Amino acid sequence: MSTTTPVIVYSSNTCGYCKQLKKYLSDENIAFEERNVDTNDAYYDELEALGVSSLPVTLIGDAKILGMNTTRIKAALGM
């Protein structure tokens, strides 16, 4: 599925749910930008500014989706 709404996924190298989420998005052909907090301190700072301390976090428009929540992701994308 192609979407004009940017999808941003905050993740880390050791997060199992992050891997599941990225696989789900890829399998559904949903383009996303990964922001890995392990490889870029600025992404960690962005995550902290969002008031979140757990991963994964998916941003879709105004929606901030915590964890592997495919129901909320589909809703935010109008699927």
Protein backbone atom coordinates (compact mmCIF):
# COMPACT_ATOMS: atom_id res chain seq x y z
CA MET A 1 0.00 0.00 0.00
CA SER A 2 1.30 3.40 -0.91
CA THR A 3 0.55 6.26 1.41
CA THR A 4 1.20 9.98 1.25
CA THR A 5 1.26 10.22 5.03
CA PRO A 6 4.83 9.77 6.26
CA VAL A 7 5.35 6.76 8.51
CA ILE A 8 8.26 7.03 10.96
CA VAL A 9 9.36 4.10 13.10
CA TYR A 10 11.66 4.60 16.08
CA SER A 11 13.53 1.36 16.76
CA SER A 12 16.69 -0.19 18.19
CA ASN A 13 18.91 -3.08 17.14
CA THR A 14 17.92 -5.34 20.03
CA CYS A 15 14.14 -4.77 20.04
CA GLY A 16 12.21 -7.85 18.92
CA TYR A 17 8.94 -5.95 18.53
CA CYS A 18 10.75 -3.39 16.37
CA LYS A 19 11.83 -6.18 14.00
CA GLN A 20 8.28 -7.56 13.90
CA LEU A 21 6.85 -4.12 13.19
CA LYS A 22 9.29 -3.37 10.37
CA LYS A 23 8.57 -6.79 8.82
CA TYR A 24 4.82 -6.16 9.06
CA LEU A 25 5.14 -2.75 7.36
CA SER A 26 7.34 -4.21 4.62
CA ASP A 27 4.99 -7.17 4.09
CA GLU A 28 2.06 -4.72 3.75
CA ASN A 29 4.09 -2.55 1.31
CA ILE A 30 3.87 0.42 3.66
CA ALA A 31 6.85 2.71 3.13
CA PHE A 32 8.44 3.94 6.34
CA GLU A 33 11.46 5.81 7.61
CA GLU A 34 13.36 3.99 10.32
CA ARG A 35 14.97 6.06 13.05
CA ASN A 36 17.28 3.73 14.93
CA VAL A 37 18.13 5.17 18.35
CA ASP A 38 21.18 2.88 18.63
CA THR A 39 22.86 4.39 15.59
CA ASN A 40 21.87 8.05 15.92
CA ASP A 41 21.78 9.99 19.20
CA ALA A 42 19.56 12.66 17.61
CA TYR A 43 16.82 10.04 17.13
CA TYR A 44 17.08 9.12 20.82
CA ASP A 45 16.67 12.80 21.68
CA GLU A 46 13.60 13.03 19.41
CA LEU A 47 12.09 9.98 21.13
CA GLU A 48 12.74 11.50 24.54
CA ALA A 49 11.10 14.76 23.41
CA LEU A 50 8.00 12.73 22.50
CA GLY A 51 7.84 11.63 26.13
CA VAL A 52 8.32 7.97 25.28
CA SER A 53 10.82 5.57 26.80
CA SER A 54 9.91 2.28 25.13
CA LEU A 55 10.15 0.98 21.59
CA PRO A 56 8.90 0.69 18.94
CA VAL A 57 7.11 3.98 18.38
CA THR A 58 5.38 4.70 15.08
CA LEU A 59 4.42 8.21 14.02
CA ILE A 60 1.75 8.54 11.34
CA GLY A 61 0.50 12.07 10.91
CA ASP A 62 -0.70 13.17 14.36
CA ALA A 63 -0.88 9.59 15.66
CA LYS A 64 1.77 8.33 18.06
CA ILE A 65 1.48 4.55 18.22
CA LEU A 66 3.32 2.65 20.95
CA GLY A 67 4.40 -0.94 20.45
CA MET A 68 3.37 -3.43 17.78
CA ASN A 69 -0.21 -2.22 17.35
CA THR A 70 -1.32 -3.11 13.82
CA THR A 71 -4.93 -2.12 14.53
CA ARG A 72 -3.94 1.47 15.34
CA ILE A 73 -1.50 1.58 12.40
CA LYS A 74 -4.22 0.50 9.97
CA ALA A 75 -6.63 3.04 11.45
CA ALA A 76 -4.06 5.86 11.18
CA LEU A 77 -3.47 4.94 7.54
CA GLY A 78 -7.18 4.62 6.78
CA MET A 79 -6.92 0.93 5.93
